[in-house]
C-alpha atoms as a PDB file:
ATOM      1  CA  MET A   1     -48.609  66.257  -5.231  1.00  0.00           C
ATOM      2  CA  THR A   2     -49.099  63.036  -7.608  1.00  0.00           C
ATOM      3  CA  THR A   3     -46.427  63.894  -9.278  1.00  0.00           C
ATOM      4  CA  ALA A   4     -44.979  63.591  -5.849  1.00  0.00           C
ATOM      5  CA  ILE A   5     -46.270  60.109  -4.652  1.00  0.00           C
ATOM      6  CA  ILE A   6     -45.054  58.921  -8.295  1.00  0.00           C
ATOM      7  CA  ALA A   7     -41.468  60.079  -7.712  1.00  0.00           C
ATOM      8  CA  ILE A   8     -41.589  58.552  -4.069  1.00  0.00           C
ATOM      9  CA  VAL A   9     -43.679  55.071  -5.622  1.00  0.00           C
ATOM     10  CA  VAL A  10     -41.116  55.009  -8.178  1.00  0.00           C
ATOM     11  CA  ILE A  11     -38.432  56.142  -5.612  1.00  0.00           C
ATOM     12  CA  ALA A  12     -39.549  52.940  -2.945  1.00  0.00           C
ATOM     13  CA  VAL A  13     -39.651  50.490  -6.226  1.00  0.00           C
ATOM     14  CA  VAL A  14     -36.155  51.460  -6.892  1.00  0.00           C
ATOM     15  CA  ILE A  15     -34.956  50.951  -3.877  1.00  0.00           C
ATOM     16  CA  VAL A  16     -37.188  47.872  -3.429  1.00  0.00           C
ATOM     17  CA  VAL A  17     -35.310  46.895  -6.366  1.00  0.00           C
ATOM     18  CA  ILE A  18     -32.054  47.483  -5.785  1.00  0.00           C
ATOM     19  CA  ALA A  19     -32.183  45.591  -2.167  1.00  0.00           C
ATOM     20  CA  ALA A  20     -33.764  42.530  -4.405  1.00  0.00           C
ATOM     21  CA  VAL A  21     -31.179  42.134  -6.762  1.00  0.00           C
ATOM     22  CA  MET A  22     -28.349  43.374  -3.599  1.00  0.00           C
ATOM     23  CA  ALA A  23     -30.031  40.234  -1.381  1.00  0.00           C
ATOM     24  CA  ASN A  24     -30.070  37.694  -4.580  1.00  0.00           C
ATOM     25  CA  SER A  25     -26.264  38.454  -4.889  1.00  0.00           C
ATOM     26  CA  ARG A  26     -25.084  38.360  -1.235  1.00  0.00           C
ATOM     27  CA  ARG A  27     -27.562  34.437  -1.475  1.00  0.00           C
ATOM     28  CA  ARG A  28     -25.462  34.150  -4.908  1.00  0.00           C
ATOM     29  CA  GLU A  29     -22.134  34.621  -2.954  1.00  0.00           C
ATOM     30  CA  ARG A  30     -22.930  32.493   0.022  1.00  0.00           C
ATOM     31  CA  GLU A  31     -24.325  29.166  -2.559  1.00  0.00           C
ATOM     32  CA  THR A  32     -20.803  29.782  -4.376  1.00  0.00           C
ATOM     33  CA  GLN A  33     -18.829  29.609  -1.313  1.00  0.00           C
ATOM     34  CA  ILE A  34     -20.585  26.454  -0.453  1.00  0.00           C
ATOM     35  CA  ARG A  35     -19.648  25.033  -3.181  1.00  0.00           C
ATOM     36  CA  ARG A  36     -15.892  25.924  -2.852  1.00  0.00           C
ATOM     37  CA  ASP A  37     -15.527  24.979   0.092  1.00  0.00           C
ATOM     38  CA  ALA A  38     -17.418  21.287  -0.349  1.00  0.00           C
ATOM     39  CA  ALA A  39     -14.852  21.109  -3.321  1.00  0.00           C
ATOM     40  CA  ALA A  40     -12.077  21.533  -1.524  1.00  0.00           C
ATOM     41  CA  ALA A  41     -12.474  19.194   0.787  1.00  0.00           C
ATOM     42  CA  HIS A  42     -13.574  16.902  -1.624  1.00  0.00           C
ATOM     43  CA  ARG A  43     -10.185  17.959  -2.858  1.00  0.00           C
ATOM     44  CA  ASP A  44      -9.143  17.146   0.038  1.00  0.00           C
ATOM     45  CA  GLU A  45     -10.652  13.812   0.480  1.00  0.00           C
ATOM     46  CA  ALA A  46      -9.027  13.140  -2.804  1.00  0.00           C
ATOM     47  CA  VAL A  47      -5.901  13.991  -1.999  1.00  0.00           C
ATOM     48  CA  GLU A  48      -5.570  11.619   1.253  1.00  0.00           C
ATOM     49  CA  ARG A  49      -7.115   9.173  -0.300  1.00  0.00           C
ATOM     50  CA  ASN A  50      -4.164   8.946  -3.648  1.00  0.00           C
ATOM     51  CA  ARG A  51      -1.870   9.297  -1.096  1.00  0.00           C
ATOM     52  CA  THR A  52      -3.787   6.003   0.573  1.00  0.00           C
ATOM     53  CA  ALA A  53      -3.544   4.916  -2.107  1.00  0.00           C
ATOM     54  CA  GLN A  54      -0.033   5.063  -3.352  1.00  0.00           C
ATOM     55  CA  GLN A  55       1.127   3.833  -0.433  1.00  0.00           C
ATOM     56  CA  ALA A  56      -0.679   1.073   0.046  1.00  0.00           C
ATOM     57  CA  GLU A  57       0.799   0.126  -3.633  1.00  0.00           C
ATOM     58  CA  LEU A  58       4.163   1.065  -2.141  1.00  0.00           C
ATOM     59  CA  ALA A  59       4.483  -1.520   0.664  1.00  0.00           C
ATOM     60  CA  ALA A  60       2.462  -4.483  -2.314  1.00  0.00           C
ATOM     61  CA  GLN A  61       5.422  -3.953  -4.244  1.00  0.00           C
ATOM     62  CA  GLU A  62       8.229  -3.667  -1.223  1.00  0.00           C
ATOM     63  CA  GLN A  63       6.263  -7.419  -0.080  1.00  0.00           C
ATOM     64  CA  SER A  64       6.404  -8.563  -3.635  1.00  0.00           C
ATOM     65  CA  ALA A  65      10.023  -7.555  -3.637  1.00  0.00           C
ATOM     66  CA  ARG A  66      10.317  -9.660  -0.417  1.00  0.00           C
ATOM     67  CA  ALA A  67       8.805 -12.699  -1.285  1.00  0.00           C
ATOM     68  CA  GLU A  68      10.704 -12.575  -4.901  1.00  0.00           C
ATOM     69  CA  ARG A  69      13.499 -12.369  -2.666  1.00  0.00           C
ATOM     70  CA  GLU A  70      12.786 -14.636  -0.416  1.00  0.00           C
ATOM     71  CA  ARG A  71      11.841 -17.156  -3.004  1.00  0.00           C
ATOM     72  CA  LEU A  72      15.487 -16.847  -4.156  1.00  0.00           C
ATOM     73  CA  GLU A  73      16.427 -17.761  -1.147  1.00  0.00           C
ATOM     74  CA  ALA A  74      14.742 -20.721  -1.116  1.00  0.00           C
ATOM     75  CA  GLU A  75      15.592 -21.663  -4.631  1.00  0.00           C
ATOM     76  CA  VAL A  76      19.268 -21.129  -3.588  1.00  0.00           C
ATOM     77  CA  LYS A  77      19.334 -23.241  -0.422  1.00  0.00           C
ATOM     78  CA  ALA A  78      17.174 -26.133  -2.328  1.00  0.00           C
ATOM     79  CA  GLU A  79      20.077 -25.957  -5.062  1.00  0.00           C
ATOM     80  CA  ARG A  80      22.517 -26.544  -2.437  1.00  0.00           C
ATOM     81  CA  ALA A  81      20.912 -29.010  -0.836  1.00  0.00           C
ATOM     82  CA  ALA A  82      20.943 -31.309  -3.576  1.00  0.00           C
ATOM     83  CA  LYS A  83      24.471 -30.524  -4.003  1.00  0.00           C
ATOM     84  CA  GLU A  84      25.125 -31.200  -0.752  1.00  0.00           C
ATOM     85  CA  ARG A  85      23.242 -34.762  -1.235  1.00  0.00           C
ATOM     86  CA  ALA A  86      24.782 -35.598  -4.725  1.00  0.00           C
ATOM     87  CA  ALA A  87      28.439 -35.133  -2.725  1.00  0.00           C
ATOM     88  CA  ALA A  88      26.821 -37.036   0.258  1.00  0.00           C
ATOM     89  CA  ASP A  89      25.276 -39.461  -2.461  1.00  0.00           C
ATOM     90  CA  GLU A  90      29.294 -39.718  -4.457  1.00  0.00           C
ATOM     91  CA  HIS A  91      31.015 -39.966  -0.652  1.00  0.00           C
ATOM     92  CA  ALA A  92      28.777 -43.055   0.077  1.00  0.00           C
ATOM     93  CA  MET A  93      29.701 -45.082  -3.119  1.00  0.00           C
ATOM     94  CA  GLN A  94      33.152 -44.058  -2.924  1.00  0.00           C
ATOM     95  CA  ALA A  95      33.106 -45.467   0.833  1.00  0.00           C
ATOM     96  CA  ARG A  96      31.252 -48.352  -0.401  1.00  0.00           C
ATOM     97  CA  ASP A  97      33.664 -48.855  -3.607  1.00  0.00           C
ATOM     98  CA  ILE A  98      37.234 -48.276  -0.699  1.00  0.00           C
ATOM     99  CA  ASP A  99      34.930 -50.841   1.549  1.00  0.00           C
ATOM    100  CA  PRO A 100      32.275 -52.891   0.005  1.00  0.00           C
ATOM    101  CA  ASP A 101      31.665 -54.786   3.387  1.00  0.00           C
ATOM    102  CA  SER A 102      30.875 -52.013   5.440  1.00  0.00           C
ATOM    103  CA  PRO A 103      27.839 -51.485   5.780  1.00  0.00           C
ATOM    104  CA  ASP A 104      25.269 -48.874   4.594  1.00  0.00           C
ATOM    105  CA  THR A 105      24.684 -45.750   6.475  1.00  0.00           C
ATOM    106  CA  THR A 106      21.643 -44.146   6.592  1.00  0.00           C
ATOM    107  CA  GLU A 107      20.972 -40.347   7.475  1.00  0.00           C
ATOM    108  CA  THR A 108      19.025 -41.733  11.093  1.00  0.00           C
ATOM    109  CA  ASP A 109      22.195 -43.701  11.807  1.00  0.00           C
ATOM    110  CA  VAL A 110      24.088 -39.930  11.830  1.00  0.00           C
ATOM    111  CA  PRO A 111      24.191 -39.058  15.925  1.00  0.00           C
ATOM    112  CA  ALA A 112      22.291 -35.510  16.714  1.00  0.00           C
ATOM    113  CA  VAL A 113      23.639 -33.075  18.539  1.00  0.00           C
ATOM    114  CA  ALA A 114      21.709 -32.210  21.886  1.00  0.00           C
ATOM    115  CA  PRO A 115      20.372 -28.895  21.315  1.00  0.00           C
ATOM    116  CA  GLY A 116      22.916 -26.175  23.232  1.00  0.00           C
ATOM    117  CA  ARG A 117      25.547 -28.565  23.193  1.00  0.00           C
ATOM    118  CA  MET A 118      28.466 -27.865  20.835  1.00  0.00           C
ATOM    119  CA  ASP A 119      30.584 -30.767  19.779  1.00  0.00           C
ATOM    120  CA  GLY A 120      33.941 -29.226  18.218  1.00  0.00           C
END
């Protein structure tokens, strides 16, 4: 009978050990899955932030390119205006050479066109 009790105790201990190992294995699997899920969430967040950062960078580059184009257009307009001003000065000098007794005209002497009115 002692042998039977020892055998039963050994079998019970083996069953308890197997149950403990299985429980520990399942716990580790759950913990691993939780870590994997957390890592996947972090990867998703990283992808989204990267996409947002790229879009912001592209928008900034486009804005910079637009600003550069506008600056160049403004320079061209300023050069054109300077040429027009120089041409106007040249015409004024020619007018003075042709008729030195004529009074000089200034920009304020040029008649303004009323808004919405087209003289043509």
